[in-house]
Amino acid sequence: MPNNTFEDYKIAVKKKYEIEKKGDHSFYLSSPTRARLRNLCWELFQQQNRNQDDLNVFSSLLGLAFDVNKRNKFDEQIDKFRPIDNYFKGESDPANVDAVNMAAILVDFEARPFNKFRLKELFKDEIQVDDEDEVGFSSPEREQSEQKKKIDSSLILDTFIDEKEKEKGREKGIEDETPIFRTREKVTDIEVRQPTINSFANTSIERNHKKKFPPITIKHAIVFASVFLFIGFVVIYFAFPNKECMQWSGDHYEIVDCELKIQGVGKSSNIEILDPTLVNLKKIKVCDTTTYFDKNGVAIIWYAKTANGIDFFNVHGRHPENNSPLRPVTHYIINKYVKK
């Protein structure tokens, strides 16, 4: 029966600790404390390129991602190493899988984290690493060989886990991708590939879609914009031929031909360039019943003083005859000039 439980994982990591506490990191592990374990963790992550599993354990246990520029923030997490300290000393049995995974990193336990240990132990008969004949190897060669086997073992384990995940997906009816050509038939010596129905349908739909909706190029866009502008200019020219000026006509403005201003005869002397803000200005007559303010008390009638008295207008602007700015009507003006 495979030993793949969490309890088995903790026992295996603890056995590795008993070996490593006499090794290169004996200063940190022989008499562990929270501070020493924290410092060892920082040294390992700083000096070595950790794999993604180790980085995930780091962030999950400590609540922050590893960053060499945030040592102070890391040092504040010293209490997170208390369960590991007690675990190595045999004072407690940790229930937090992240704490045991971090302990496995500190003692360089190969089959980490727990999910890889579980699969490796469950299918260890299917995971094989070829051993090399080490007879006659010198010490450096032996060390290189051990390192190579360690790397190969890790790669094989990762590949094996990926294959198991794919098998699990296939059992659930999940396919990674739908290839364009799925089945193959052999007719004598000629290999014939048959497209799947889905692939053929998708290809046909894409082809029809491209036929119905050809892509719009920059050239097409320029042509469309040119035609649109041309039509717009033609409409404006015939709808408003040369009428880009306005003339005050007693109590309102009229849009007129600017050529009248050039002639400069009679009434044409007060012709102005068309001003959209003034073209709707009208002089109005007011009385006691005229509404001067809206419901919020804001004036909606405007006035200006002239040599002959006072004129009232419907919108804000300037007096078309003396060019003085219009002012909002007030109760004082109404009482003085309207209610006599």
C-alpha atoms as a PDB file:
ATOM      1  CA  MET A   1       0.000   0.000   0.000  1.00  0.00           C
ATOM      2  CA  PRO A   2       1.567   3.347  -1.051  1.00  0.00           C
ATOM      3  CA  ASN A   3       2.540   5.765   1.667  1.00  0.00           C
ATOM      4  CA  ASN A   4       1.004   8.924   0.250  1.00  0.00           C
ATOM      5  CA  THR A   5      -0.895  10.530   3.135  1.00  0.00           C
ATOM      6  CA  PHE A   6      -0.129  13.863   4.748  1.00  0.00           C
ATOM      7  CA  GLU A   7       1.150  12.027   7.828  1.00  0.00           C
ATOM      8  CA  ASP A   8       3.558  10.054   5.631  1.00  0.00           C
ATOM      9  CA  TYR A   9       4.702  13.328   4.074  1.00  0.00           C
ATOM     10  CA  LYS A  10       5.463  14.848   7.490  1.00  0.00           C
ATOM     11  CA  ILE A  11       7.395  11.740   8.555  1.00  0.00           C
ATOM     12  CA  ALA A  12       9.466  11.818   5.356  1.00  0.00           C
ATOM     13  CA  VAL A  13      10.281  15.522   5.734  1.00  0.00           C
ATOM     14  CA  LYS A  14      11.243  14.999   9.397  1.00  0.00           C
ATOM     15  CA  LYS A  15      13.613  12.174   8.407  1.00  0.00           C
ATOM     16  CA  LYS A  16      15.254  14.470   5.864  1.00  0.00           C
ATOM     17  CA  TYR A  17      15.627  17.095   8.600  1.00  0.00           C
ATOM     18  CA  GLU A  18      17.503  14.640  10.816  1.00  0.00           C
ATOM     19  CA  ILE A  19      20.020  14.226   8.002  1.00  0.00           C
ATOM     20  CA  GLU A  20      20.302  17.881   6.979  1.00  0.00           C
ATOM     21  CA  LYS A  21      20.764  19.225  10.520  1.00  0.00           C
ATOM     22  CA  LYS A  22      24.277  17.755  10.354  1.00  0.00           C
ATOM     23  CA  GLY A  23      24.953  19.035   6.846  1.00  0.00           C
ATOM     24  CA  ASP A  24      25.821  22.353   5.234  1.00  0.00           C
ATOM     25  CA  HIS A  25      23.057  24.258   7.024  1.00  0.00           C
ATOM     26  CA  SER A  26      23.688  22.804  10.454  1.00  0.00           C
ATOM     27  CA  PHE A  27      24.042  26.293  11.939  1.00  0.00           C
ATOM     28  CA  TYR A  28      20.383  26.973  11.196  1.00  0.00           C
ATOM     29  CA  LEU A  29      18.983  23.457  11.669  1.00  0.00           C
ATOM     30  CA  SER A  30      20.914  21.813  14.507  1.00  0.00           C
ATOM     31  CA  SER A  31      19.347  24.106  17.107  1.00  0.00           C
ATOM     32  CA  PRO A  32      16.482  25.690  15.180  1.00  0.00           C
ATOM     33  CA  THR A  33      14.755  28.892  16.229  1.00  0.00           C
ATOM     34  CA  ARG A  34      12.162  30.974  14.442  1.00  0.00           C
ATOM     35  CA  ALA A  35      14.787  33.600  13.586  1.00  0.00           C
ATOM     36  CA  ARG A  36      17.298  31.039  12.242  1.00  0.00           C
ATOM     37  CA  LEU A  37      14.686  29.306  10.118  1.00  0.00           C
ATOM     38  CA  ARG A  38      13.534  32.656   8.787  1.00  0.00           C
ATOM     39  CA  ASN A  39      17.116  33.608   7.882  1.00  0.00           C
ATOM     40  CA  LEU A  40      17.731  30.255   6.217  1.00  0.00           C
ATOM     41  CA  CYS A  41      14.571  30.710   4.180  1.00  0.00           C
ATOM     42  CA  TRP A  42      15.735  34.121   2.985  1.00  0.00           C
ATOM     43  CA  GLU A  43      19.193  32.776   2.130  1.00  0.00           C
ATOM     44  CA  LEU A  44      17.772  29.901   0.077  1.00  0.00           C
ATOM     45  CA  PHE A  45      15.322  32.029  -1.872  1.00  0.00           C
ATOM     46  CA  GLN A  46      17.860  34.805  -2.414  1.00  0.00           C
ATOM     47  CA  GLN A  47      20.772  32.714  -3.642  1.00  0.00           C
ATOM     48  CA  GLN A  48      18.914  30.144  -5.739  1.00  0.00           C
ATOM     49  CA  ASN A  49      16.394  30.303  -8.540  1.00  0.00           C
ATOM     50  CA  ARG A  50      13.362  28.723  -6.955  1.00  0.00           C
ATOM     51  CA  ASN A  51      10.755  26.875  -8.989  1.00  0.00           C
ATOM     52  CA  GLN A  52       7.151  28.031  -9.117  1.00  0.00           C
ATOM     53  CA  ASP A  53       6.018  25.496  -6.507  1.00  0.00           C
ATOM     54  CA  ASP A  54       8.475  26.901  -3.929  1.00  0.00           C
ATOM     55  CA  LEU A  55       7.432  30.462  -4.752  1.00  0.00           C
ATOM     56  CA  ASN A  56       3.783  29.493  -4.283  1.00  0.00           C
ATOM     57  CA  VAL A  57       4.556  27.974  -0.875  1.00  0.00           C
ATOM     58  CA  PHE A  58       6.431  31.153   0.104  1.00  0.00           C
ATOM     59  CA  SER A  59       3.537  33.471  -0.772  1.00  0.00           C
ATOM     60  CA  SER A  60       0.864  31.147   0.651  1.00  0.00           C
ATOM     61  CA  LEU A  61       2.567  30.744   4.044  1.00  0.00           C
ATOM     62  CA  LEU A  62       3.895  34.282   4.517  1.00  0.00           C
ATOM     63  CA  GLY A  63       1.157  36.216   2.769  1.00  0.00           C
ATOM     64  CA  LEU A  64       3.529  38.061   0.415  1.00  0.00           C
ATOM     65  CA  ALA A  65       5.467  37.306  -2.751  1.00  0.00           C
ATOM     66  CA  PHE A  66       9.224  36.874  -2.580  1.00  0.00           C
ATOM     67  CA  ASP A  67      11.009  40.140  -3.385  1.00  0.00           C
ATOM     68  CA  VAL A  68      14.702  40.733  -2.668  1.00  0.00           C
ATOM     69  CA  ASN A  69      13.941  44.411  -2.111  1.00  0.00           C
ATOM     70  CA  LYS A  70      11.431  43.767   0.691  1.00  0.00           C
ATOM     71  CA  ARG A  71      13.578  42.132   3.359  1.00  0.00           C
ATOM     72  CA  ASN A  72      12.077  44.246   6.167  1.00  0.00           C
ATOM     73  CA  LYS A  73       8.562  43.130   5.243  1.00  0.00           C
ATOM     74  CA  PHE A  74       9.760  39.523   5.189  1.00  0.00           C
ATOM     75  CA  ASP A  75      11.445  39.809   8.608  1.00  0.00           C
ATOM     76  CA  GLU A  76       8.104  40.815  10.136  1.00  0.00           C
ATOM     77  CA  GLN A  77       6.725  37.346   9.348  1.00  0.00           C
ATOM     78  CA  ILE A  78       8.914  35.601  11.944  1.00  0.00           C
ATOM     79  CA  ASP A  79       5.931  34.064  13.777  1.00  0.00           C
ATOM     80  CA  LYS A  80       4.991  32.131  10.610  1.00  0.00           C
ATOM     81  CA  PHE A  81       8.064  29.949  11.290  1.00  0.00           C
ATOM     82  CA  ARG A  82       6.937  28.960  14.826  1.00  0.00           C
ATOM     83  CA  PRO A  83       5.074  25.779  13.673  1.00  0.00           C
ATOM     84  CA  ILE A  84       8.158  24.693  11.690  1.00  0.00           C
ATOM     85  CA  ASP A  85      10.437  25.315  14.695  1.00  0.00           C
ATOM     86  CA  ASN A  86       8.192  23.201  16.958  1.00  0.00           C
ATOM     87  CA  TYR A  87       7.890  20.547  14.236  1.00  0.00           C
ATOM     88  CA  PHE A  88      11.653  20.108  13.898  1.00  0.00           C
ATOM     89  CA  LYS A  89      12.046  20.005  17.691  1.00  0.00           C
ATOM     90  CA  GLY A  90       9.282  17.394  17.977  1.00  0.00           C
ATOM     91  CA  GLU A  91       7.178  19.630  20.216  1.00  0.00           C
ATOM     92  CA  SER A  92       4.104  19.709  17.978  1.00  0.00           C
ATOM     93  CA  ASP A  93       2.595  18.085  14.917  1.00  0.00           C
ATOM     94  CA  PRO A  94       1.746  20.822  12.349  1.00  0.00           C
ATOM     95  CA  ALA A  95      -1.625  20.661  10.610  1.00  0.00           C
ATOM     96  CA  ASN A  96      -0.846  23.439   8.142  1.00  0.00           C
ATOM     97  CA  VAL A  97       0.312  21.928   4.860  1.00  0.00           C
ATOM     98  CA  ASP A  98       2.048  25.199   3.872  1.00  0.00           C
ATOM     99  CA  ALA A  99       4.205  25.020   7.021  1.00  0.00           C
ATOM    100  CA  VAL A 100       5.285  21.451   6.195  1.00  0.00           C
ATOM    101  CA  ASN A 101       5.927  22.443   2.567  1.00  0.00           C
ATOM    102  CA  MET A 102       8.177  25.271   3.773  1.00  0.00           C
ATOM    103  CA  ALA A 103       9.952  22.816   6.088  1.00  0.00           C
ATOM    104  CA  ALA A 104      10.537  20.584   3.062  1.00  0.00           C
ATOM    105  CA  ILE A 105      12.142  23.535   1.263  1.00  0.00           C
ATOM    106  CA  LEU A 106      14.412  24.300   4.216  1.00  0.00           C
ATOM    107  CA  VAL A 107      15.748  20.718   4.336  1.00  0.00           C
ATOM    108  CA  ASP A 108      15.725  20.356   0.510  1.00  0.00           C
ATOM    109  CA  PHE A 109      13.256  17.453   0.520  1.00  0.00           C
ATOM    110  CA  GLU A 110      13.028  16.518  -3.151  1.00  0.00           C
ATOM    111  CA  ALA A 111       9.421  15.268  -3.428  1.00  0.00           C
ATOM    112  CA  ARG A 112       7.779  18.585  -2.511  1.00  0.00           C
ATOM    113  CA  PRO A 113       5.206  20.038  -2.182  1.00  0.00           C
ATOM    114  CA  PHE A 114       2.734  17.588  -0.721  1.00  0.00           C
ATOM    115  CA  ASN A 115       0.711  17.143  -3.929  1.00  0.00           C
ATOM    116  CA  LYS A 116       3.823  15.938  -5.767  1.00  0.00           C
ATOM    117  CA  PHE A 117       4.784  13.672  -2.868  1.00  0.00           C
ATOM    118  CA  ARG A 118       1.311  12.154  -2.900  1.00  0.00           C
ATOM    119  CA  LEU A 119       1.400  11.401  -6.620  1.00  0.00           C
ATOM    120  CA  LYS A 120       4.998  10.212  -6.561  1.00  0.00           C
ATOM    121  CA  GLU A 121       4.293   7.751  -3.766  1.00  0.00           C
ATOM    122  CA  LEU A 122       1.008   6.657  -5.336  1.00  0.00           C
ATOM    123  CA  PHE A 123       2.540   5.929  -8.743  1.00  0.00           C
ATOM    124  CA  LYS A 124       6.201   5.414  -7.870  1.00  0.00           C
ATOM    125  CA  ASP A 125       6.241   2.107  -9.788  1.00  0.00           C
ATOM    126  CA  GLU A 126       5.374   4.047 -12.949  1.00  0.00           C
ATOM    127  CA  ILE A 127       8.004   6.792 -12.360  1.00  0.00           C
ATOM    128  CA  GLN A 128      11.457   5.531 -13.261  1.00  0.00           C
ATOM    129  CA  VAL A 129      14.783   7.293 -13.519  1.00  0.00           C
ATOM    130  CA  ASP A 130      17.638   5.465 -15.240  1.00  0.00           C
ATOM    131  CA  ASP A 131      20.631   5.051 -12.941  1.00  0.00           C
ATOM    132  CA  GLU A 132      24.078   5.557 -14.374  1.00  0.00           C
ATOM    133  CA  ASP A 133      26.964   3.282 -13.639  1.00  0.00           C
ATOM    134  CA  GLU A 134      28.968   5.272 -11.123  1.00  0.00           C
ATOM    135  CA  VAL A 135      31.828   2.810 -10.779  1.00  0.00           C
ATOM    136  CA  GLY A 136      35.124   4.638 -11.192  1.00  0.00           C
ATOM    137  CA  PHE A 137      33.579   8.105 -10.825  1.00  0.00           C
ATOM    138  CA  SER A 138      35.670  10.664  -8.962  1.00  0.00           C
ATOM    139  CA  SER A 139      34.023  12.805  -6.292  1.00  0.00           C
ATOM    140  CA  PRO A 140      33.297  15.813  -8.571  1.00  0.00           C
ATOM    141  CA  GLU A 141      31.920  13.510 -11.258  1.00  0.00           C
ATOM    142  CA  ARG A 142      29.775  11.717  -8.695  1.00  0.00           C
ATOM    143  CA  GLU A 143      28.413  15.040  -7.422  1.00  0.00           C
ATOM    144  CA  GLN A 144      27.569  16.122 -10.963  1.00  0.00           C
ATOM    145  CA  SER A 145      25.897  12.795 -11.588  1.00  0.00           C
ATOM    146  CA  GLU A 146      23.783  13.136  -8.444  1.00  0.00           C
ATOM    147  CA  GLN A 147      22.766  16.647  -9.452  1.00  0.00           C
ATOM    148  CA  LYS A 148      21.819  15.477 -12.937  1.00  0.00           C
ATOM    149  CA  LYS A 149      19.715  12.638 -11.546  1.00  0.00           C
ATOM    150  CA  LYS A 150      18.020  15.052  -9.186  1.00  0.00           C
ATOM    151  CA  ILE A 151      17.099  17.404 -12.055  1.00  0.00           C
ATOM    152  CA  ASP A 152      15.989  14.517 -14.291  1.00  0.00           C
ATOM    153  CA  SER A 153      13.862  13.118 -11.486  1.00  0.00           C
ATOM    154  CA  SER A 154      12.142  16.436 -10.953  1.00  0.00           C
ATOM    155  CA  LEU A 155      11.444  16.812 -14.685  1.00  0.00           C
ATOM    156  CA  ILE A 156      10.115  13.284 -14.942  1.00  0.00           C
ATOM    157  CA  LEU A 157       7.871  13.857 -11.944  1.00  0.00           C
ATOM    158  CA  ASP A 158       6.485  17.087 -13.436  1.00  0.00           C
ATOM    159  CA  THR A 159       5.892  15.365 -16.769  1.00  0.00           C
ATOM    160  CA  PHE A 160       4.218  12.438 -15.052  1.00  0.00           C
ATOM    161  CA  ILE A 161       1.883  14.755 -13.116  1.00  0.00           C
ATOM    162  CA  ASP A 162       0.937  16.556 -16.328  1.00  0.00           C
ATOM    163  CA  GLU A 163       0.140  13.244 -17.997  1.00  0.00           C
ATOM    164  CA  LYS A 164      -2.022  12.173 -15.058  1.00  0.00           C
ATOM    165  CA  GLU A 165      -3.918  15.460 -15.199  1.00  0.00           C
ATOM    166  CA  LYS A 166      -4.504  14.958 -18.932  1.00  0.00           C
ATOM    167  CA  GLU A 167      -5.731  11.419 -18.316  1.00  0.00           C
ATOM    168  CA  LYS A 168      -8.077  12.750 -15.654  1.00  0.00           C
ATOM    169  CA  GLY A 169      -9.404  15.272 -18.199  1.00  0.00           C
ATOM    170  CA  ARG A 170      -9.906  12.588 -20.833  1.00  0.00           C
ATOM    171  CA  GLU A 171     -11.816  10.448 -18.374  1.00  0.00           C
ATOM    172  CA  LYS A 172     -14.193  13.381 -17.869  1.00  0.00           C
ATOM    173  CA  GLY A 173     -14.623  13.819 -21.615  1.00  0.00           C
ATOM    174  CA  ILE A 174     -12.415  16.945 -21.818  1.00  0.00           C
ATOM    175  CA  GLU A 175     -10.166  17.322 -24.836  1.00  0.00           C
ATOM    176  CA  ASP A 176      -7.301  19.786 -24.904  1.00  0.00           C
ATOM    177  CA  GLU A 177      -7.845  20.900 -28.481  1.00  0.00           C
ATOM    178  CA  THR A 178      -9.799  19.713 -31.516  1.00  0.00           C
ATOM    179  CA  PRO A 179      -7.172  19.005 -34.165  1.00  0.00           C
ATOM    180  CA  ILE A 180      -7.936  19.761 -37.768  1.00  0.00           C
ATOM    181  CA  PHE A 181      -7.235  16.165 -38.767  1.00  0.00           C
ATOM    182  CA  ARG A 182      -8.284  13.500 -36.269  1.00  0.00           C
ATOM    183  CA  THR A 183      -8.491  10.134 -38.021  1.00  0.00           C
ATOM    184  CA  ARG A 184      -6.194   8.513 -40.482  1.00  0.00           C
ATOM    185  CA  GLU A 185      -6.779   5.686 -42.926  1.00  0.00           C
ATOM    186  CA  LYS A 186      -4.217   3.808 -44.938  1.00  0.00           C
ATOM    187  CA  VAL A 187      -5.075   2.844 -48.486  1.00  0.00           C
ATOM    188  CA  THR A 188      -2.290   0.563 -49.691  1.00  0.00           C
ATOM    189  CA  ASP A 189       0.818   2.727 -49.276  1.00  0.00           C
ATOM    190  CA  ILE A 190      -0.983   6.120 -49.347  1.00  0.00           C
ATOM    191  CA  GLU A 191      -1.973   7.744 -46.094  1.00  0.00           C
ATOM    192  CA  VAL A 192      -5.310   9.629 -46.283  1.00  0.00           C
ATOM    193  CA  ARG A 193      -6.311  12.148 -43.638  1.00  0.00           C
ATOM    194  CA  GLN A 194      -9.991  12.722 -42.933  1.00  0.00           C
ATOM    195  CA  PRO A 195     -11.068  15.982 -41.302  1.00  0.00           C
ATOM    196  CA  THR A 196     -13.445  15.788 -38.369  1.00  0.00           C
ATOM    197  CA  ILE A 197     -16.980  17.132 -38.810  1.00  0.00           C
ATOM    198  CA  ASN A 198     -16.469  19.954 -36.330  1.00  0.00           C
ATOM    199  CA  SER A 199     -13.244  21.112 -37.966  1.00  0.00           C
ATOM    200  CA  PHE A 200     -14.800  20.988 -41.457  1.00  0.00           C
ATOM    201  CA  ALA A 201     -17.857  22.913 -40.273  1.00  0.00           C
ATOM    202  CA  ASN A 202     -15.756  25.542 -38.524  1.00  0.00           C
ATOM    203  CA  THR A 203     -13.558  25.966 -41.599  1.00  0.00           C
ATOM    204  CA  SER A 204     -16.620  26.352 -43.840  1.00  0.00           C
ATOM    205  CA  ILE A 205     -18.203  28.906 -41.520  1.00  0.00           C
ATOM    206  CA  GLU A 206     -14.996  30.955 -41.408  1.00  0.00           C
ATOM    207  CA  ARG A 207     -14.691  30.836 -45.207  1.00  0.00           C
ATOM    208  CA  ASN A 208     -18.320  31.947 -45.710  1.00  0.00           C
ATOM    209  CA  HIS A 209     -17.886  34.668 -43.102  1.00  0.00           C
ATOM    210  CA  LYS A 210     -14.888  36.046 -44.936  1.00  0.00           C
ATOM    211  CA  LYS A 211     -16.832  36.066 -48.213  1.00  0.00           C
ATOM    212  CA  LYS A 212     -19.776  37.969 -46.740  1.00  0.00           C
ATOM    213  CA  PHE A 213     -17.728  40.478 -44.779  1.00  0.00           C
ATOM    214  CA  PRO A 214     -14.538  41.421 -46.643  1.00  0.00           C
ATOM    215  CA  PRO A 215     -12.019  43.293 -44.512  1.00  0.00           C
ATOM    216  CA  ILE A 216     -12.058  47.084 -44.780  1.00  0.00           C
ATOM    217  CA  THR A 217      -8.647  48.366 -45.793  1.00  0.00           C
ATOM    218  CA  ILE A 218      -7.203  51.849 -45.269  1.00  0.00           C
ATOM    219  CA  LYS A 219      -7.722  52.525 -48.969  1.00  0.00           C
ATOM    220  CA  HIS A 220     -11.440  51.749 -48.679  1.00  0.00           C
ATOM    221  CA  ALA A 221     -11.767  53.952 -45.597  1.00  0.00           C
ATOM    222  CA  ILE A 222     -10.140  56.903 -47.405  1.00  0.00           C
ATOM    223  CA  VAL A 223     -12.472  56.481 -50.390  1.00  0.00           C
ATOM    224  CA  PHE A 224     -15.576  56.346 -48.165  1.00  0.00           C
ATOM    225  CA  ALA A 225     -14.482  59.439 -46.215  1.00  0.00           C
ATOM    226  CA  SER A 226     -13.770  61.377 -49.430  1.00  0.00           C
ATOM    227  CA  VAL A 227     -17.192  60.571 -50.877  1.00  0.00           C
ATOM    228  CA  PHE A 228     -18.894  61.562 -47.620  1.00  0.00           C
ATOM    229  CA  LEU A 229     -17.066  64.910 -47.449  1.00  0.00           C
ATOM    230  CA  PHE A 230     -17.787  65.658 -51.095  1.00  0.00           C
ATOM    231  CA  ILE A 231     -21.523  65.062 -50.644  1.00  0.00           C
ATOM    232  CA  GLY A 232     -21.485  67.218 -47.508  1.00  0.00           C
ATOM    233  CA  PHE A 233     -19.819  70.134 -49.304  1.00  0.00           C
ATOM    234  CA  VAL A 234     -22.294  69.905 -52.187  1.00  0.00           C
ATOM    235  CA  VAL A 235     -25.287  69.971 -49.833  1.00  0.00           C
ATOM    236  CA  ILE A 236     -23.915  72.923 -47.864  1.00  0.00           C
ATOM    237  CA  TYR A 237     -23.076  74.844 -51.036  1.00  0.00           C
ATOM    238  CA  PHE A 238     -26.550  74.541 -52.548  1.00  0.00           C
ATOM    239  CA  ALA A 239     -28.459  74.899 -49.275  1.00  0.00           C
ATOM    240  CA  PHE A 240     -26.556  77.958 -48.046  1.00  0.00           C
ATOM    241  CA  PRO A 241     -24.954  79.658 -51.065  1.00  0.00           C
ATOM    242  CA  ASN A 242     -22.667  82.460 -49.842  1.00  0.00           C
ATOM    243  CA  LYS A 243     -24.901  83.114 -46.820  1.00  0.00           C
ATOM    244  CA  GLU A 244     -22.246  83.242 -44.153  1.00  0.00           C
ATOM    245  CA  CYS A 245     -23.150  86.692 -42.771  1.00  0.00           C
ATOM    246  CA  MET A 246     -26.002  88.149 -40.710  1.00  0.00           C
ATOM    247  CA  GLN A 247     -27.719  91.517 -40.538  1.00  0.00           C
ATOM    248  CA  TRP A 248     -29.763  93.088 -37.734  1.00  0.00           C
ATOM    249  CA  SER A 249     -33.242  93.795 -38.967  1.00  0.00           C
ATOM    250  CA  GLY A 250     -35.032  95.850 -36.333  1.00  0.00           C
ATOM    251  CA  ASP A 251     -35.671  93.156 -33.736  1.00  0.00           C
ATOM    252  CA  HIS A 252     -33.858  90.064 -35.027  1.00  0.00           C
ATOM    253  CA  TYR A 253     -30.957  88.874 -37.187  1.00  0.00           C
ATOM    254  CA  GLU A 254     -31.324  87.703 -40.772  1.00  0.00           C
ATOM    255  CA  ILE A 255     -28.811  85.499 -42.589  1.00  0.00           C
ATOM    256  CA  VAL A 256     -27.644  87.305 -45.712  1.00  0.00           C
ATOM    257  CA  ASP A 257     -25.100  87.113 -48.514  1.00  0.00           C
ATOM    258  CA  CYS A 258     -21.690  88.426 -47.483  1.00  0.00           C
ATOM    259  CA  GLU A 259     -21.324  90.150 -50.868  1.00  0.00           C
ATOM    260  CA  LEU A 260     -23.787  92.799 -49.673  1.00  0.00           C
ATOM    261  CA  LYS A 261     -21.192  93.909 -47.125  1.00  0.00           C
ATOM    262  CA  ILE A 262     -18.646  94.398 -49.882  1.00  0.00           C
ATOM    263  CA  GLN A 263     -21.057  96.618 -51.819  1.00  0.00           C
ATOM    264  CA  GLY A 264     -21.598  98.738 -48.638  1.00  0.00           C
ATOM    265  CA  VAL A 265     -24.835 100.481 -49.706  1.00  0.00           C
ATOM    266  CA  GLY A 266     -27.858 101.417 -47.599  1.00  0.00           C
ATOM    267  CA  LYS A 267     -28.853  98.805 -44.997  1.00  0.00           C
ATOM    268  CA  SER A 268     -25.866  96.653 -45.865  1.00  0.00           C
ATOM    269  CA  SER A 269     -23.533  98.675 -43.659  1.00  0.00           C
ATOM    270  CA  ASN A 270     -24.419  96.697 -40.480  1.00  0.00           C
ATOM    271  CA  ILE A 271     -23.729  93.260 -41.963  1.00  0.00           C
ATOM    272  CA  GLU A 272     -21.605  90.999 -39.709  1.00  0.00           C
ATOM    273  CA  ILE A 273     -19.937  87.642 -40.009  1.00  0.00           C
ATOM    274  CA  LEU A 274     -22.357  84.902 -38.956  1.00  0.00           C
ATOM    275  CA  ASP A 275     -22.133  84.290 -35.171  1.00  0.00           C
ATOM    276  CA  PRO A 276     -24.016  81.139 -34.043  1.00  0.00           C
ATOM    277  CA  THR A 277     -24.236  82.511 -30.486  1.00  0.00           C
ATOM    278  CA  LEU A 278     -26.107  85.656 -31.646  1.00  0.00           C
ATOM    279  CA  VAL A 279     -28.075  84.542 -34.675  1.00  0.00           C
ATOM    280  CA  ASN A 280     -31.126  83.649 -32.524  1.00  0.00           C
ATOM    281  CA  LEU A 281     -31.066  86.934 -30.547  1.00  0.00           C
ATOM    282  CA  LYS A 282     -34.360  88.812 -30.598  1.00  0.00           C
ATOM    283  CA  LYS A 283     -35.513  92.090 -29.110  1.00  0.00           C
ATOM    284  CA  ILE A 284     -38.813  91.567 -27.287  1.00  0.00           C
ATOM    285  CA  LYS A 285     -41.538  93.676 -25.755  1.00  0.00           C
ATOM    286  CA  VAL A 286     -42.296  93.066 -22.071  1.00  0.00           C
ATOM    287  CA  CYS A 287     -45.175  93.909 -19.760  1.00  0.00           C
ATOM    288  CA  ASP A 288     -46.510  93.121 -16.298  1.00  0.00           C
ATOM    289  CA  THR A 289     -47.508  89.577 -17.311  1.00  0.00           C
ATOM    290  CA  THR A 290     -44.163  88.647 -18.883  1.00  0.00           C
ATOM    291  CA  THR A 291     -42.293  85.790 -17.200  1.00  0.00           C
ATOM    292  CA  TYR A 292     -38.896  87.183 -16.232  1.00  0.00           C
ATOM    293  CA  PHE A 293     -37.524  84.325 -14.051  1.00  0.00           C
ATOM    294  CA  ASP A 294     -37.621  80.548 -14.112  1.00  0.00           C
ATOM    295  CA  LYS A 295     -38.829  78.394 -11.203  1.00  0.00           C
ATOM    296  CA  ASN A 296     -35.433  78.698  -9.522  1.00  0.00           C
ATOM    297  CA  GLY A 297     -35.464  82.484  -9.677  1.00  0.00           C
ATOM    298  CA  VAL A 298     -32.894  82.711 -12.468  1.00  0.00           C
ATOM    299  CA  ALA A 299     -33.453  85.504 -15.008  1.00  0.00           C
ATOM    300  CA  ILE A 300     -34.529  84.423 -18.500  1.00  0.00           C
ATOM    301  CA  ILE A 301     -34.865  87.967 -19.885  1.00  0.00           C
ATOM    302  CA  TRP A 302     -31.855  90.175 -20.647  1.00  0.00           C
ATOM    303  CA  TYR A 303     -31.591  93.959 -21.074  1.00  0.00           C
ATOM    304  CA  ALA A 304     -29.304  96.787 -22.155  1.00  0.00           C
ATOM    305  CA  LYS A 305     -29.602 100.562 -21.771  1.00  0.00           C
ATOM    306  CA  THR A 306     -29.685 102.778 -24.862  1.00  0.00           C
ATOM    307  CA  ALA A 307     -29.926 106.494 -25.549  1.00  0.00           C
ATOM    308  CA  ASN A 308     -33.692 106.120 -25.871  1.00  0.00           C
ATOM    309  CA  GLY A 309     -34.263 104.043 -22.716  1.00  0.00           C
ATOM    310  CA  ILE A 310     -33.900 100.281 -22.292  1.00  0.00           C
ATOM    311  CA  ASP A 311     -34.260  97.277 -24.615  1.00  0.00           C
ATOM    312  CA  PHE A 312     -35.113  93.692 -23.590  1.00  0.00           C
ATOM    313  CA  PHE A 313     -33.885  90.497 -25.313  1.00  0.00           C
ATOM    314  CA  ASN A 314     -34.690  86.798 -25.184  1.00  0.00           C
ATOM    315  CA  VAL A 315     -31.130  85.462 -24.752  1.00  0.00           C
ATOM    316  CA  HIS A 316     -27.755  86.585 -23.489  1.00  0.00           C
ATOM    317  CA  GLY A 317     -25.341  88.333 -25.845  1.00  0.00           C
ATOM    318  CA  ARG A 318     -24.625  91.944 -26.851  1.00  0.00           C
ATOM    319  CA  HIS A 319     -26.793  94.768 -28.102  1.00  0.00           C
ATOM    320  CA  PRO A 320     -26.647  94.620 -31.925  1.00  0.00           C
ATOM    321  CA  GLU A 321     -26.790  98.414 -32.266  1.00  0.00           C
ATOM    322  CA  ASN A 322     -24.426  99.753 -29.603  1.00  0.00           C
ATOM    323  CA  ASN A 323     -22.467  96.529 -28.931  1.00  0.00           C
ATOM    324  CA  SER A 324     -22.956  96.810 -25.142  1.00  0.00           C
ATOM    325  CA  PRO A 325     -23.180  93.492 -23.209  1.00  0.00           C
ATOM    326  CA  LEU A 326     -26.641  92.323 -22.170  1.00  0.00           C
ATOM    327  CA  ARG A 327     -27.364  91.903 -18.462  1.00  0.00           C
ATOM    328  CA  PRO A 328     -29.845  89.621 -16.689  1.00  0.00           C
ATOM    329  CA  VAL A 329     -33.042  91.453 -15.725  1.00  0.00           C
ATOM    330  CA  THR A 330     -33.601  92.316 -12.054  1.00  0.00           C
ATOM    331  CA  HIS A 331     -36.631  93.285 -10.003  1.00  0.00           C
ATOM    332  CA  TYR A 332     -35.220  96.789  -9.766  1.00  0.00           C
ATOM    333  CA  ILE A 333     -35.156  97.164 -13.575  1.00  0.00           C
ATOM    334  CA  ILE A 334     -38.682  95.743 -13.880  1.00  0.00           C
ATOM    335  CA  ASN A 335     -40.118  98.111 -11.265  1.00  0.00           C
ATOM    336  CA  LYS A 336     -38.290 101.105 -12.735  1.00  0.00           C
ATOM    337  CA  TYR A 337     -38.863 100.634 -16.471  1.00  0.00           C
ATOM    338  CA  VAL A 338     -41.811  98.270 -16.804  1.00  0.00           C
ATOM    339  CA  LYS A 339     -44.151  98.886 -13.879  1.00  0.00           C
ATOM    340  CA  LYS A 340     -44.656 102.665 -14.159  1.00  0.00           C
END
